[in-house]
Protein backbone atom coordinates (compact mmCIF):
# COMPACT_ATOMS: atom_id res chain seq x y z
CA MET A 1 -191.84 -1.60 -83.66
CA MET A 2 -192.50 -3.89 -81.41
CA LYS A 3 -195.45 -5.65 -81.81
CA LEU A 4 -197.30 -6.93 -78.26
CA VAL A 5 -198.07 -10.61 -78.35
CA HIS A 6 -201.37 -11.01 -76.42
CA ILE A 7 -201.89 -14.65 -74.71
CA ASN A 8 -204.82 -15.26 -73.15
CA ARG A 9 -205.80 -17.20 -70.12
CA SER A 10 -206.64 -20.23 -72.35
CA GLY A 11 -203.35 -20.42 -74.24
CA MET A 12 -201.27 -19.71 -70.71
CA SER A 13 -202.48 -22.86 -69.34
CA LEU A 14 -201.79 -24.85 -72.74
CA LEU A 15 -198.25 -24.03 -72.54
CA ALA A 16 -198.08 -24.84 -68.64
CA VAL A 17 -199.09 -28.16 -69.55
CA LEU A 18 -197.00 -28.24 -71.95
CA PHE A 19 -194.15 -27.65 -70.07
CA VAL A 20 -194.63 -29.24 -67.12
CA GLY A 21 -195.06 -32.37 -69.37
CA ILE A 22 -191.69 -31.46 -71.52
CA PHE A 23 -190.18 -31.08 -67.37
CA ALA A 24 -192.27 -34.56 -66.38
CA SER A 25 -190.72 -36.41 -69.30
CA LEU A 26 -186.74 -34.82 -69.17
CA PHE A 27 -186.93 -35.88 -64.88
CA HIS A 28 -188.41 -39.26 -65.86
CA SER A 29 -185.49 -39.96 -68.16
CA SER A 30 -183.38 -38.86 -65.96
CA CYS A 31 -183.94 -41.03 -62.80
CA ASP A 32 -184.11 -43.81 -65.50
CA ASN A 33 -180.59 -43.12 -66.60
CA THR A 34 -179.97 -43.05 -62.37
CA ASP A 35 -181.87 -46.42 -61.64
CA GLU A 36 -180.57 -48.35 -64.46
CA CYS A 37 -178.42 -51.57 -63.83
CA ILE A 38 -175.55 -51.98 -65.85
CA ALA A 39 -173.95 -55.47 -66.52
CA PRO A 40 -170.64 -55.94 -64.34
CA SER A 41 -167.30 -56.07 -66.33
CA ILE A 42 -163.76 -57.56 -64.88
CA ASP A 43 -160.62 -56.31 -66.00
CA SER A 44 -158.07 -58.48 -63.93
CA ILE A 45 -157.58 -60.14 -60.27
CA THR A 46 -154.85 -59.95 -57.96
CA PHE A 47 -154.01 -60.63 -54.13
CA ARG A 48 -155.11 -57.96 -52.21
CA ASP A 49 -153.16 -54.74 -51.64
CA SER A 50 -151.59 -55.90 -54.64
CA LEU A 51 -151.78 -54.35 -57.95
CA VAL A 52 -149.97 -57.84 -59.84
CA SER A 53 -152.25 -59.70 -61.85
CA ILE A 54 -152.77 -63.25 -61.59
CA ASP A 55 -154.50 -66.10 -63.16
CA TYR A 56 -155.44 -68.51 -60.38
CA LEU A 57 -156.98 -68.63 -56.91
CA VAL A 58 -155.80 -71.24 -53.93
CA PRO A 59 -158.03 -71.58 -51.35
CA GLY A 60 -157.24 -69.11 -47.86
CA ARG A 61 -156.07 -66.40 -49.37
CA VAL A 62 -157.71 -63.10 -50.15
CA ILE A 63 -158.56 -61.91 -53.74
CA THR A 64 -159.30 -58.40 -55.48
CA ILE A 65 -161.54 -58.59 -58.98
CA HIS A 66 -161.02 -55.08 -60.50
CA GLY A 67 -163.77 -53.69 -62.94
CA GLU A 68 -166.45 -51.98 -63.51
CA ASN A 69 -170.26 -51.61 -62.47
CA LEU A 70 -169.36 -54.18 -59.53
CA ASP A 71 -171.62 -52.92 -57.16
CA GLU A 72 -174.96 -54.41 -56.28
CA THR A 73 -173.42 -57.70 -57.31
CA SER A 74 -175.69 -60.56 -55.30
CA SER A 75 -173.20 -63.51 -55.69
CA LEU A 76 -169.67 -64.50 -56.85
CA ILE A 77 -169.65 -67.88 -58.49
CA ILE A 78 -166.46 -69.98 -58.59
CA ASN A 79 -167.27 -73.15 -60.52
CA SER A 80 -170.21 -73.94 -58.70
CA THR A 81 -169.41 -72.94 -55.24
CA THR A 82 -171.47 -69.50 -54.72
CA LEU A 83 -170.67 -66.40 -52.46
CA SER A 84 -173.14 -64.19 -51.31
CA ALA A 85 -172.91 -60.35 -51.42
CA SER A 86 -172.41 -60.85 -47.50
CA TYR A 87 -169.38 -62.45 -47.54
CA MET A 88 -167.90 -60.30 -49.88
CA LEU A 89 -166.64 -56.13 -49.71
CA VAL A 90 -168.56 -54.83 -52.99
CA TYR A 91 -167.88 -51.59 -54.24
CA GLU A 92 -168.20 -50.21 -57.91
CA GLN A 93 -164.35 -50.77 -59.03
CA SER A 94 -163.85 -53.72 -56.90
CA ILE A 95 -164.09 -56.43 -55.25
CA THR A 96 -162.52 -58.70 -52.40
CA PHE A 97 -163.42 -61.96 -50.53
CA LEU A 98 -161.75 -65.04 -49.66
CA VAL A 99 -161.36 -67.57 -51.36
CA PRO A 100 -163.18 -70.68 -50.16
CA TYR A 101 -162.55 -74.40 -50.70
CA ILE A 102 -163.35 -75.31 -54.46
CA SER A 103 -164.89 -78.43 -55.06
CA THR A 104 -162.63 -80.29 -57.43
CA ASN A 105 -165.66 -82.32 -58.82
CA ASP A 106 -166.45 -79.34 -61.52
CA GLU A 107 -163.94 -80.05 -63.97
CA ASN A 108 -166.50 -80.94 -66.52
CA THR A 109 -169.82 -78.54 -65.72
CA GLU A 110 -169.66 -75.64 -68.09
CA PHE A 111 -167.92 -73.34 -66.31
CA SER A 112 -165.22 -75.82 -65.09
CA ASP A 113 -161.88 -72.73 -63.78
CA SER A 114 -164.37 -69.92 -63.97
CA LEU A 115 -165.88 -67.08 -61.59
CA ARG A 116 -168.42 -65.31 -62.35
CA ILE A 117 -170.30 -61.99 -60.98
CA ILE A 118 -173.91 -61.81 -60.90
CA LYS A 119 -176.38 -58.91 -61.09
CA ASP A 120 -179.45 -58.53 -61.53
CA CYS A 121 -179.14 -57.03 -64.95
CA GLY A 122 -176.52 -59.13 -66.21
CA GLU A 123 -172.99 -61.00 -65.45
CA ASP A 124 -169.29 -61.61 -66.32
CA LEU A 125 -167.61 -64.31 -66.78
CA TYR A 126 -163.69 -64.44 -66.45
CA MET A 127 -161.28 -67.43 -66.46
CA VAL A 128 -158.88 -68.50 -63.98
CA ASN A 129 -157.12 -71.52 -62.39
CA ILE A 130 -158.42 -72.81 -59.72
CA LEU A 131 -155.95 -74.65 -57.58
CA ASN A 132 -156.53 -76.24 -54.56
CA ALA A 133 -154.24 -75.24 -51.35
CA PRO A 134 -151.87 -78.43 -50.24
CA PRO A 135 -153.12 -80.95 -47.82
CA TYR A 136 -152.40 -80.89 -44.21
CA ILE A 137 -153.05 -83.06 -41.59
CA THR A 138 -154.86 -82.18 -38.19
CA LYS A 139 -155.08 -85.48 -36.65
CA ILE A 140 -153.80 -88.80 -36.37
CA SER A 141 -156.09 -91.56 -35.08
CA ASN A 142 -153.56 -93.29 -33.28
CA GLU A 143 -149.69 -91.54 -32.82
CA TYR A 144 -148.02 -94.67 -32.02
CA ALA A 145 -149.34 -97.27 -34.54
CA ILE A 146 -147.10 -99.96 -35.57
CA PRO A 147 -146.63 -101.44 -39.56
CA GLY A 148 -149.67 -102.62 -40.60
CA ASP A 149 -151.94 -101.26 -38.61
CA THR A 150 -154.98 -98.98 -40.23
CA ILE A 151 -155.29 -95.54 -39.07
CA ARG A 152 -156.95 -92.72 -40.05
CA LEU A 153 -155.69 -88.97 -41.20
CA GLU A 154 -157.56 -86.19 -40.90
CA GLY A 155 -156.89 -82.34 -42.35
CA ARG A 156 -157.90 -80.77 -45.63
CA TYR A 157 -157.02 -80.68 -49.10
CA PHE A 158 -156.70 -84.59 -49.24
CA ALA A 159 -159.04 -85.27 -52.70
CA LEU A 160 -156.63 -84.80 -55.35
CA LEU A 161 -154.09 -87.45 -52.99
CA GLU A 162 -151.29 -88.93 -54.69
CA SER A 163 -149.23 -90.37 -51.71
CA VAL A 164 -148.48 -90.34 -47.98
CA THR A 165 -144.99 -91.00 -47.01
CA PHE A 166 -144.17 -91.89 -43.38
CA PRO A 167 -140.65 -90.58 -41.94
CA GLY A 168 -137.69 -92.32 -43.28
CA ASP A 169 -139.47 -91.31 -46.91
CA ILE A 170 -141.31 -94.77 -47.16
CA GLU A 171 -144.08 -94.88 -48.63
CA GLY A 172 -147.50 -96.22 -46.87
CA GLU A 173 -150.71 -98.04 -48.35
CA LEU A 174 -153.23 -95.15 -49.06
CA LEU A 175 -156.89 -97.02 -49.39
CA ASP A 176 -159.29 -96.05 -51.75
CA GLY A 177 -162.83 -94.32 -50.97
CA TYR A 178 -160.72 -91.21 -49.32
CA THR A 179 -162.56 -88.07 -49.23
CA ASP A 180 -161.54 -84.55 -48.89
CA THR A 181 -161.26 -84.59 -45.25
CA THR A 182 -160.02 -87.81 -43.89
CA CYS A 183 -158.18 -90.73 -45.70
CA ASP A 184 -156.74 -94.41 -44.29
CA VAL A 185 -153.26 -95.35 -44.74
CA VAL A 186 -151.42 -98.86 -44.17
CA VAL A 187 -148.19 -97.90 -42.01
CA PRO A 188 -145.21 -99.47 -43.84
CA SER A 189 -143.56 -102.79 -42.50
CA ASN A 190 -140.39 -101.05 -42.30
CA VAL A 191 -140.56 -97.40 -40.40
CA LEU A 192 -138.36 -97.21 -37.62
CA ASN A 193 -138.28 -93.78 -37.29
CA SER A 194 -140.48 -90.76 -35.91
CA GLY A 195 -141.18 -87.87 -37.63
CA ALA A 196 -144.14 -85.68 -39.84
CA ILE A 197 -146.42 -87.28 -41.92
CA GLU A 198 -145.41 -86.13 -45.43
CA LEU A 199 -148.68 -85.80 -47.86
CA VAL A 200 -148.08 -85.31 -51.80
CA SER A 201 -151.10 -84.30 -53.93
CA LYS A 202 -151.51 -82.43 -57.24
CA SER A 203 -151.84 -79.23 -55.68
CA GLY A 204 -148.57 -79.41 -53.46
CA THR A 205 -146.78 -81.71 -50.61
CA SER A 206 -147.02 -80.66 -47.32
CA ASN A 207 -146.46 -82.18 -43.69
CA SER A 208 -148.38 -83.00 -40.61
CA ARG A 209 -149.21 -79.93 -38.93
CA PHE A 210 -147.69 -78.40 -35.48
CA GLY A 211 -147.47 -81.30 -32.89
CA ILE A 212 -149.11 -83.55 -35.08
CA VAL A 213 -145.90 -86.05 -35.23
CA TYR A 214 -146.04 -89.94 -35.51
CA ARG A 215 -144.35 -91.58 -32.81
CA ASP A 216 -142.76 -88.69 -31.54
CA ARG A 217 -141.26 -89.37 -27.85
CA SER A 218 -140.60 -85.75 -26.90
CA GLY A 219 -142.57 -85.00 -23.61
CA LEU A 220 -143.11 -88.46 -22.61
CA ILE A 221 -144.11 -89.55 -19.48
CA CYS A 222 -144.62 -92.94 -19.15
CA ASN A 223 -144.40 -95.90 -22.19
CA PHE A 224 -145.03 -98.70 -19.28
CA ASP A 225 -141.50 -99.73 -21.69
CA ASP A 226 -138.10 -97.52 -21.18
CA LYS A 227 -139.74 -95.27 -20.20
CA ASN A 228 -141.34 -96.30 -17.14
CA THR A 229 -142.81 -94.30 -13.75
CA TRP A 230 -145.23 -95.81 -12.55
CA ASP A 231 -145.33 -96.81 -8.84
CA GLY A 232 -146.78 -100.56 -9.48
CA THR A 233 -150.34 -99.72 -7.51
CA GLY A 234 -153.84 -100.18 -8.67
CA GLY A 235 -153.79 -101.64 -12.33
CA GLU A 236 -151.60 -103.94 -14.61
CA LEU A 237 -149.13 -104.14 -17.19
CA ILE A 238 -149.99 -106.33 -20.37
CA SER A 239 -148.24 -107.30 -23.80
CA PRO A 240 -149.92 -108.63 -26.70
CA SER A 241 -147.97 -111.45 -25.90
CA THR A 242 -150.15 -111.68 -22.04
CA ASN A 243 -153.23 -110.72 -23.71
CA SER A 244 -153.78 -111.63 -27.51
CA SER A 245 -157.34 -110.58 -27.47
CA LEU A 246 -156.01 -106.77 -27.47
CA PRO A 247 -154.82 -104.72 -30.35
CA PRO A 248 -151.14 -104.56 -30.76
CA ALA A 249 -149.23 -102.04 -29.47
CA ASN A 250 -145.51 -101.31 -28.76
CA GLY A 251 -144.82 -103.03 -25.51
CA TYR A 252 -146.23 -102.96 -22.32
CA TYR A 253 -149.28 -100.78 -21.60
CA PHE A 254 -151.96 -100.12 -18.56
CA LEU A 255 -155.06 -101.89 -17.97
CA SER A 256 -157.39 -100.37 -15.96
CA GLU A 257 -160.84 -102.57 -15.59
CA ALA A 258 -163.47 -102.75 -12.66
CA GLN A 259 -166.82 -104.72 -12.45
CA ASN A 260 -170.49 -103.67 -10.67
CA ILE A 261 -169.41 -99.96 -9.83
CA SER A 262 -172.33 -98.50 -7.58
CA PRO A 263 -173.18 -94.93 -7.45
CA GLY A 264 -170.89 -93.09 -4.61
CA SER A 265 -167.57 -95.64 -4.99
CA GLY A 266 -164.55 -93.55 -5.34
CA ASP A 267 -161.72 -95.51 -4.29
CA ILE A 268 -161.28 -98.28 -6.72
CA GLU A 269 -157.92 -99.95 -5.92
CA SER A 270 -157.98 -102.00 -9.77
CA THR A 271 -158.72 -98.46 -11.50
CA LYS A 272 -155.47 -96.64 -9.69
CA MET A 273 -152.65 -95.08 -11.90
CA ALA A 274 -149.98 -92.69 -10.12
CA LEU A 275 -147.15 -91.65 -12.76
CA GLU A 276 -143.84 -89.60 -11.49
CA ILE A 277 -143.11 -86.42 -14.40
CA ASP A 278 -140.02 -86.30 -14.86
CA ARG A 279 -138.58 -82.47 -14.18
CA SER A 280 -136.46 -82.49 -16.47
CA LEU A 281 -139.44 -81.89 -19.20
CA SER A 282 -138.25 -79.25 -21.42
CA TYR A 283 -141.66 -76.59 -21.84
CA SER A 284 -140.92 -74.09 -24.59
CA GLY A 285 -140.18 -69.94 -23.26
CA ASN A 286 -142.07 -69.13 -20.49
CA LEU A 287 -145.53 -70.61 -22.44
CA THR A 288 -148.39 -71.18 -20.41
CA PRO A 289 -150.74 -74.24 -20.13
CA GLU A 290 -153.39 -73.50 -22.73
CA TYR A 291 -150.41 -74.11 -25.46
CA PHE A 292 -150.12 -77.69 -23.95
CA ALA A 293 -151.92 -81.18 -24.03
CA ILE A 294 -151.85 -84.29 -21.64
CA LYS A 295 -151.78 -86.83 -24.78
CA LEU A 296 -151.88 -90.90 -24.85
CA GLU A 297 -153.08 -93.58 -26.44
CA ALA A 298 -156.43 -94.70 -25.35
CA LEU A 299 -158.05 -98.11 -26.25
CA LEU A 300 -161.59 -98.49 -24.46
CA LEU A 301 -162.60 -102.22 -23.23
CA HIS A 302 -166.09 -101.30 -21.78
CA PRO A 303 -167.70 -97.69 -22.35
CA TRP A 304 -169.19 -96.22 -19.36
CA THR A 305 -172.10 -94.25 -19.02
CA SER A 306 -172.09 -93.03 -15.56
CA GLY A 307 -168.98 -91.74 -13.26
CA ALA A 308 -165.36 -90.79 -14.93
CA TYR A 309 -161.17 -92.45 -15.14
CA HIS A 310 -160.37 -89.04 -12.96
CA LEU A 311 -157.18 -87.38 -13.59
CA GLU A 312 -155.09 -85.41 -10.99
CA ILE A 313 -151.67 -83.43 -11.97
CA GLY A 314 -149.72 -81.49 -9.11
CA TYR A 315 -146.98 -80.56 -7.45
CA GLU A 316 -145.56 -83.01 -3.92
CA ALA A 317 -142.99 -81.23 -1.87
CA ALA A 318 -142.75 -84.46 -0.49
CA PRO A 319 -144.75 -87.74 -1.10
CA GLY A 320 -147.92 -86.88 0.22
CA ASP A 321 -147.27 -83.28 0.68
CA VAL A 322 -149.51 -82.09 -2.62
CA GLU A 323 -148.70 -78.04 -2.87
CA PHE A 324 -151.16 -77.50 -5.49
CA ALA A 325 -153.35 -79.89 -7.48
CA TYR A 326 -155.81 -79.86 -10.55
CA GLU A 327 -158.34 -82.14 -11.75
CA TYR A 328 -159.74 -83.62 -15.18
CA ASP A 329 -162.79 -86.16 -15.31
CA PHE A 330 -161.67 -88.36 -18.55
CA LYS A 331 -164.56 -89.60 -20.31
CA PRO A 332 -163.18 -89.84 -23.98
CA TRP A 333 -165.93 -89.23 -26.31
CA GLU A 334 -166.29 -86.15 -24.56
CA SER A 335 -162.89 -85.14 -24.38
CA ASP A 336 -162.57 -85.63 -28.03
CA THR A 337 -165.57 -85.39 -29.91
CA VAL A 338 -164.09 -85.91 -32.80
CA ILE A 339 -163.10 -90.15 -32.42
CA ASP A 340 -166.02 -92.54 -33.20
CA TRP A 341 -165.71 -94.12 -29.62
CA SER A 342 -168.48 -95.80 -30.44
CA SER A 343 -168.43 -98.20 -32.83
CA ALA A 344 -165.43 -100.62 -34.11
CA TRP A 345 -164.30 -101.30 -30.45
CA PRO A 346 -161.60 -102.02 -29.07
CA ARG A 347 -159.35 -99.89 -31.16
CA TRP A 348 -156.36 -97.54 -30.02
CA ASN A 349 -157.42 -93.76 -30.86
CA THR A 350 -154.67 -91.29 -29.77
CA VAL A 351 -156.43 -88.37 -27.16
CA SER A 352 -155.31 -84.87 -26.47
CA ILE A 353 -156.74 -83.01 -23.31
CA PRO A 354 -155.72 -79.82 -23.27
CA LEU A 355 -153.57 -78.74 -19.60
CA SER A 356 -156.19 -75.44 -19.92
CA ASP A 357 -158.52 -77.54 -19.35
CA PHE A 358 -157.91 -79.01 -15.67
CA LYS A 359 -159.77 -77.19 -12.80
CA LEU A 360 -157.96 -76.22 -9.38
CA VAL A 361 -159.49 -79.09 -6.74
CA GLY A 362 -162.27 -78.01 -4.70
CA SER A 363 -162.82 -74.93 -7.41
CA GLU A 364 -165.15 -74.59 -9.90
CA ASN A 365 -163.62 -71.62 -12.12
CA THR A 366 -159.98 -71.89 -11.63
CA TYR A 367 -158.33 -73.35 -14.35
CA LEU A 368 -154.44 -74.77 -14.30
CA GLN A 369 -153.03 -71.37 -16.31
CA SER A 370 -149.86 -70.51 -15.03
CA TYR A 371 -146.78 -71.27 -16.27
CA SER A 372 -144.01 -71.45 -13.12
CA GLN A 373 -146.95 -74.26 -11.92
CA LEU A 374 -146.44 -75.83 -14.54
CA ARG A 375 -143.18 -76.84 -15.09
CA ILE A 376 -142.81 -77.92 -11.11
CA ILE A 377 -145.63 -80.23 -11.82
CA ASN A 378 -144.25 -83.96 -10.97
CA TYR A 379 -147.08 -86.26 -10.22
CA MET A 380 -150.29 -87.54 -11.88
CA LYS A 381 -153.09 -90.17 -10.66
CA TRP A 382 -155.99 -92.04 -12.63
CA ASN A 383 -158.91 -93.08 -10.73
CA PHE A 384 -162.01 -94.15 -11.75
CA ILE A 385 -164.85 -91.95 -9.67
CA ASN A 386 -168.82 -92.72 -10.02
CA PRO A 387 -170.55 -90.04 -8.12
CA GLU A 388 -173.53 -90.69 -6.01
CA SER A 389 -175.93 -88.33 -7.64
CA GLU A 390 -176.42 -87.80 -10.99
CA ALA A 391 -176.33 -84.11 -10.83
CA ASP A 392 -172.43 -84.60 -10.88
CA GLY A 393 -171.96 -87.39 -13.27
CA GLY A 394 -173.14 -90.82 -11.82
CA GLY A 395 -175.92 -91.74 -10.16
CA SER A 396 -176.33 -95.60 -11.71
CA THR A 397 -174.17 -98.46 -11.19
CA ILE A 398 -171.64 -99.74 -13.89
CA ASN A 399 -171.66 -103.03 -15.09
CA ALA A 400 -168.37 -102.68 -16.23
CA PHE A 401 -165.22 -100.44 -17.05
CA GLY A 402 -162.35 -100.79 -18.87
CA VAL A 403 -159.52 -98.95 -20.42
CA VAL A 404 -156.07 -99.54 -21.22
CA LEU A 405 -153.60 -96.18 -21.79
CA ASP A 406 -149.66 -96.33 -23.31
CA ASN A 407 -147.65 -93.17 -24.20
CA ILE A 408 -148.27 -90.77 -21.90
CA ARG A 409 -147.04 -87.44 -22.74
CA ILE A 410 -147.21 -83.74 -21.92
CA LYS A 411 -146.60 -82.28 -25.24
CA GLN A 412 -146.80 -78.61 -26.90
CA VAL A 413 -149.89 -78.70 -29.84
CA VAL A 414 -150.55 -75.03 -30.35
CA GLU A 415 -147.91 -72.91 -31.93
CA GLU A 416 -146.29 -69.80 -30.38
CA ASP A 417 -147.62 -67.14 -33.00
CA GLU A 418 -150.99 -68.96 -33.40
C-alpha cells in the first residue's frame, strides 16, 4: 500500500534551500575549473610550416613552439631577450614568432641557451642552442680606402667576429672595441683587387650586402685619373703630392671651395664642375632609377650651414640643348645620416644619393622614375648655391665652403628581387 508522505511548507523550504545550495556549489566549482590557469608545457620547436623538430634558434627565422596550454602566454624569453604577446601568434597548442637578435652576453646567465614561456600561473623551460646569424655589411665608410687606412664597417651580427678578409683573400687588421653593429679595420698593405669584403665569425661566414663593394669600378663616371670626364672648368684637380694636408687617396681628386658666400649667390665659378656621363654605362634589364644611386667619396674641408652644393643630371641633345634635367641639393649630413660629419674632419666618406631623390627642375613633386630617361642621361653638373631666403635653404653668409670629391659613379644598390 502506497504511503503518502506529507511535506509541510517549512520542509519544502528546507529542501529548496539545500537544492539551491548544492546547485550553487556545483556551478561555482564548474566555473573554477573553467577559469583555472594551467601551466604551459613545451613539447617541441620547428620552423614554421614544418613538422621536423629542431634544437636551435637563429635570428630572423620564423619558429613555431608546439605544446599544451600555451594560450594566455604573457611573454616569451630567449636567454634574456623578452618578446611580449603582441609579437607572437598564440594558440592553445602553438606559438609562432620571429626570432629576434639575441645578445651574446648571456653565456653565463642562469637561463643560458634556453627558451621560456611565461604565464600568470607558471612557466616552462626548453633548452635550445642559440645561434647568431652570419654577419653582414651594410656600409663601408670609405669604399675606396687605400692600404693603411682605417675604415669602419657597419652591419649586423659582428659580436662574434674572428677576421675580416679583403679581395685577394688578404686579411685586414680587426681593431679592438667592435660592437655587434660596427667594427674598425685597417686596410692591408697588399690589396690590389676590388671585390666584396668577407666577414668570418663563430656563427658563419658571409660577404658584403648587394652593392657594398670595396673599390668597385663598375658604373664609374669619373675618378679624375684614368677615367676623367671633367670638362676643366670650375674647381681644380689636386693630389696628395700637391696638398699634403689632405688625407691620401688614389691619384687625383676634385677640389671645390669658396669663401664669404653671401645670400643670393648662385653662380660661383670656383665651385663648378661639369662631367660627361658615358652613355655606355650598363643598367641591368629595365630597372627604374629607384634601384640606382650616385656614389662618390667626399671629404669636407669646411662644412656649410647655409645653401647647398647643387647637383644636376640630365640629357643634352647638343651642347646647351637640354631636353630634361633633374636636380638634387647635396648636403652630406642629410644625404647620408649614418656618417657623423660633425667630427674628425677632414676624412673621406662614401656617400650614396638615390637617383629617385632627384626632382625635375622647376617641379616640387616630379622625381626621376623613368628607365628610358635613366639610360640616356649624359651630363652631370655641380655648383654651390646660397639662396637669398632662409625658407629656400639660404639666408646667411657662409665664411667658407670646401669639399673634395672623387670616384663618382652610378651604381645599382638594390637587388631586383628585393
